[in-house]
Amino acid sequence: MFSGIISHIGSVAESRGGRLAISAPRNFVGKLGIGTSVAVNGACLTVVGKKGGAFVADIMPETARRTTLGRLRKNAIVNLELPATPDSFLSGHIVQGHIDGIGALTNVARKGNGRMLKFSLPRGLSKYVVEKGSIAVNGVSLTVIQAGKNCFTGVIPHTWRTTSMHALKPGDPVNIEVDIIAKYLKKLLKTRA
């Protein structure tokens, strides 16, 4: 489990044959052990090795299909987050690291001191997105400003600078994870009907 509060940015050192190596700051890599979960652009992966200033994770075909991880190229910037612990300060929202689908950034506009971002949502996910609800985009916990077929959200200057959001351009694919509580509520209501 994660909170969607990005602690570090890394970059792709290698991506081939279902294996991903991510270069990251030493203090981040030092906290990882073999078998540790780690969120890379919001997708929960398991550390299978470490070499130098990088950690290595395997990507299943399902992960490559449902996320942007299979499309990552060398030097691509990625958001990183360690898993939550019982002592973690949950300042984002409950993020599982189980990506629901791939969306795309469609527009970025400056607004006051922040930026408004518009994302397309994968088919069938808009029913889980509500105004002032939570959504994770590339692992970043964001508050939905406007919900609909497409999702509008905003980021403050800190989030823009300290995550990979500043590197996104319109058309870029992003990992989307909707709020787990909304998915459970939908299932509960469907089974009661």
Protein backbone atom coordinates (compact mmCIF):
# COMPACT_ATOMS: atom_id res chain seq x y z
CA MET A 1 0.00 0.00 0.00
CA PHE A 2 1.14 3.52 -0.82
CA SER A 3 -0.10 7.06 -0.17
CA GLY A 4 0.57 8.71 -3.52
CA ILE A 5 3.02 11.16 -1.96
CA ILE A 6 6.07 10.90 -4.21
CA SER A 7 9.30 10.86 -2.24
CA HIS A 8 11.83 10.59 -5.07
CA ILE A 9 12.27 10.76 -8.81
CA GLY A 10 14.33 8.16 -10.63
CA SER A 11 15.18 7.37 -14.22
CA VAL A 12 15.12 4.24 -16.34
CA ALA A 13 18.61 2.73 -16.54
CA GLU A 14 17.50 -0.27 -18.58
CA SER A 15 14.28 -1.76 -19.95
CA ARG A 16 14.31 -5.06 -21.79
CA GLY A 17 12.96 -8.56 -21.69
CA GLY A 18 10.39 -7.87 -18.99
CA ARG A 19 13.01 -6.42 -16.67
CA LEU A 20 13.27 -2.80 -15.56
CA ALA A 21 16.28 -1.20 -13.86
CA ILE A 22 15.66 2.17 -12.22
CA SER A 23 18.43 4.55 -11.15
CA ALA A 24 17.46 6.38 -7.99
CA PRO A 25 19.07 8.43 -5.23
CA ARG A 26 21.31 6.37 -2.93
CA ASN A 27 19.15 7.05 0.15
CA PHE A 28 16.13 5.58 -1.70
CA VAL A 29 17.87 2.49 -3.12
CA GLY A 30 19.44 1.86 0.30
CA LYS A 31 16.00 1.32 1.83
CA LEU A 32 15.13 -1.41 -0.66
CA GLY A 33 15.78 -5.09 -0.15
CA ILE A 34 15.11 -8.09 -2.33
CA GLY A 35 11.36 -8.71 -2.18
CA THR A 36 10.50 -5.14 -1.16
CA SER A 37 7.53 -3.51 -2.88
CA VAL A 38 8.16 -0.20 -4.60
CA ALA A 39 5.87 2.04 -6.64
CA VAL A 40 7.23 3.09 -10.03
CA ASN A 41 4.93 5.62 -11.71
CA GLY A 42 2.24 4.27 -9.42
CA ALA A 43 2.65 0.59 -10.31
CA CYS A 44 3.58 -1.71 -7.44
CA LEU A 45 6.66 -3.74 -8.36
CA THR A 46 8.85 -6.16 -6.40
CA VAL A 47 12.56 -5.53 -6.13
CA VAL A 48 14.46 -8.55 -7.49
CA GLY A 49 17.95 -7.10 -7.47
CA LYS A 50 20.17 -4.08 -6.96
CA LYS A 51 23.18 -2.96 -8.93
CA GLY A 52 25.09 0.21 -8.29
CA GLY A 53 22.67 3.07 -7.81
CA ALA A 54 19.77 1.16 -9.33
CA PHE A 55 17.17 -1.39 -8.33
CA VAL A 56 15.75 -4.04 -10.64
CA ALA A 57 12.17 -5.30 -10.98
CA ASP A 58 10.48 -7.79 -13.29
CA ILE A 59 7.41 -6.74 -15.23
CA MET A 60 4.75 -9.35 -15.95
CA PRO A 61 2.98 -9.24 -19.35
CA GLU A 62 -0.18 -8.07 -17.54
CA THR A 63 1.74 -5.16 -16.03
CA ALA A 64 3.22 -4.23 -19.42
CA ARG A 65 -0.29 -4.35 -20.95
CA ARG A 66 -2.12 -2.38 -18.25
CA THR A 67 0.51 0.24 -17.48
CA THR A 68 2.97 2.52 -19.22
CA LEU A 69 5.94 0.62 -17.78
CA GLY A 70 6.40 -1.52 -20.89
CA ARG A 71 6.75 1.67 -22.95
CA LEU A 72 9.45 3.27 -20.83
CA ARG A 73 12.74 3.99 -22.56
CA LYS A 74 16.19 4.61 -21.16
CA ASN A 75 16.49 7.88 -19.18
CA ALA A 76 12.70 8.31 -18.83
CA ILE A 77 11.84 10.07 -15.55
CA VAL A 78 9.69 8.07 -13.12
CA ASN A 79 7.97 8.77 -9.81
CA LEU A 80 9.08 6.58 -6.91
CA GLU A 81 7.46 5.77 -3.59
CA LEU A 82 8.29 3.34 -0.81
CA PRO A 83 5.41 1.33 0.65
CA ALA A 84 3.50 2.70 3.61
CA THR A 85 4.31 1.32 7.04
CA PRO A 86 2.26 1.36 10.27
CA ASP A 87 4.23 4.51 11.18
CA SER A 88 3.64 6.27 7.84
CA PHE A 89 1.91 9.62 7.76
CA LEU A 90 -0.97 9.07 5.30
CA SER A 91 -1.13 12.51 3.72
CA GLY A 92 -2.29 11.43 0.26
CA HIS A 93 -4.90 8.69 -0.08
CA ILE A 94 -4.92 4.88 -0.11
CA VAL A 95 -3.08 3.86 -3.28
CA GLN A 96 -2.64 0.16 -3.96
CA GLY A 97 -0.25 0.38 -6.87
CA HIS A 98 -2.69 -1.66 -8.97
CA ILE A 99 -3.11 0.41 -12.13
CA ASP A 100 -6.64 0.44 -13.57
CA GLY A 101 -5.64 1.62 -17.02
CA ILE A 102 -3.71 4.03 -19.17
CA GLY A 103 -4.96 7.56 -19.75
CA ALA A 104 -3.25 10.48 -21.44
CA LEU A 105 -2.46 14.08 -20.62
CA THR A 106 -4.55 16.17 -22.99
CA ASN A 107 -3.83 19.70 -21.78
CA VAL A 108 -1.74 21.72 -19.33
CA ALA A 109 -2.61 25.32 -18.47
CA ARG A 110 -1.18 27.71 -15.91
CA LYS A 111 -3.72 28.87 -13.35
CA GLY A 112 -2.58 31.22 -10.61
CA ASN A 113 0.45 29.70 -8.93
CA GLY A 114 -0.33 26.17 -10.15
CA ARG A 115 -1.20 24.25 -13.26
CA MET A 116 -4.46 22.69 -14.40
CA LEU A 117 -4.04 19.30 -16.01
CA LYS A 118 -6.64 17.53 -18.11
CA PHE A 119 -6.42 13.77 -18.56
CA SER A 120 -8.39 11.40 -20.72
CA LEU A 121 -9.62 8.39 -18.79
CA PRO A 122 -9.61 4.80 -19.97
CA ARG A 123 -13.02 3.44 -20.94
CA GLY A 124 -15.18 2.56 -17.96
CA LEU A 125 -13.22 4.44 -15.30
CA SER A 126 -15.10 7.75 -15.27
CA LYS A 127 -17.83 6.19 -13.10
CA TYR A 128 -15.27 5.93 -10.26
CA VAL A 129 -14.11 9.54 -10.50
CA VAL A 130 -15.96 12.23 -8.56
CA GLU A 131 -15.37 15.91 -8.00
CA LYS A 132 -13.17 16.45 -4.93
CA GLY A 133 -12.40 12.72 -4.88
CA SER A 134 -8.96 11.17 -5.15
CA ILE A 135 -7.15 9.76 -8.16
CA ALA A 136 -3.57 8.62 -8.66
CA VAL A 137 -1.86 9.69 -11.90
CA ASN A 138 1.57 8.11 -12.39
CA GLY A 139 1.42 7.37 -8.69
CA VAL A 140 0.77 10.97 -7.63
CA SER A 141 -2.20 11.41 -5.29
CA LEU A 142 -4.34 14.19 -6.76
CA THR A 143 -7.71 15.73 -5.96
CA VAL A 144 -10.19 15.73 -8.84
CA ILE A 145 -11.29 19.28 -9.60
CA GLN A 146 -13.80 18.36 -12.30
CA ALA A 147 -15.05 14.89 -13.18
CA GLY A 148 -16.60 13.65 -16.38
CA LYS A 149 -15.54 11.74 -19.46
CA ASN A 150 -12.20 13.47 -18.96
CA CYS A 151 -10.74 14.39 -15.62
CA PHE A 152 -9.41 17.79 -14.60
CA THR A 153 -7.05 18.20 -11.72
CA GLY A 154 -4.55 20.74 -10.55
CA VAL A 155 -1.07 20.64 -9.11
CA ILE A 156 0.69 23.09 -6.86
CA PRO A 157 4.22 24.27 -7.73
CA HIS A 158 5.79 21.80 -5.27
CA THR A 159 4.10 18.78 -6.91
CA TRP A 160 4.97 20.11 -10.38
CA ARG A 161 8.67 20.39 -9.48
CA THR A 162 9.14 17.28 -7.33
CA THR A 163 7.35 14.70 -9.49
CA SER A 164 7.55 13.73 -13.14
CA MET A 165 4.52 15.95 -13.88
CA HIS A 166 6.82 18.72 -15.15
CA ALA A 167 8.15 16.37 -17.87
CA LEU A 168 4.71 15.41 -19.25
CA LYS A 169 3.55 16.77 -22.58
CA PRO A 170 0.05 16.59 -24.10
CA GLY A 171 -0.42 13.15 -25.60
CA ASP A 172 1.87 11.42 -23.11
CA PRO A 173 0.36 8.25 -21.60
CA VAL A 174 -0.10 8.06 -17.83
CA ASN A 175 -0.98 5.34 -15.34
CA ILE A 176 -4.39 5.83 -13.73
CA GLU A 177 -5.52 4.28 -10.47
CA VAL A 178 -8.99 5.24 -9.30
CA ASP A 179 -9.99 5.28 -5.66
CA ILE A 180 -10.28 1.74 -4.25
CA ILE A 181 -13.18 2.76 -2.01
CA ALA A 182 -15.24 3.76 -5.07
CA LYS A 183 -14.59 0.36 -6.68
CA TYR A 184 -15.66 -1.54 -3.56
CA LEU A 185 -18.79 0.61 -3.19
CA LYS A 186 -19.80 -0.07 -6.79
CA LYS A 187 -19.41 -3.81 -6.30
CA LEU A 188 -21.32 -3.75 -3.00
CA LEU A 189 -24.19 -1.80 -4.54
CA LYS A 190 -24.27 -4.10 -7.57
CA THR A 191 -24.48 -7.24 -5.43
CA ARG A 192 -27.25 -5.73 -3.27
CA ALA A 193 -29.37 -4.72 -6.31
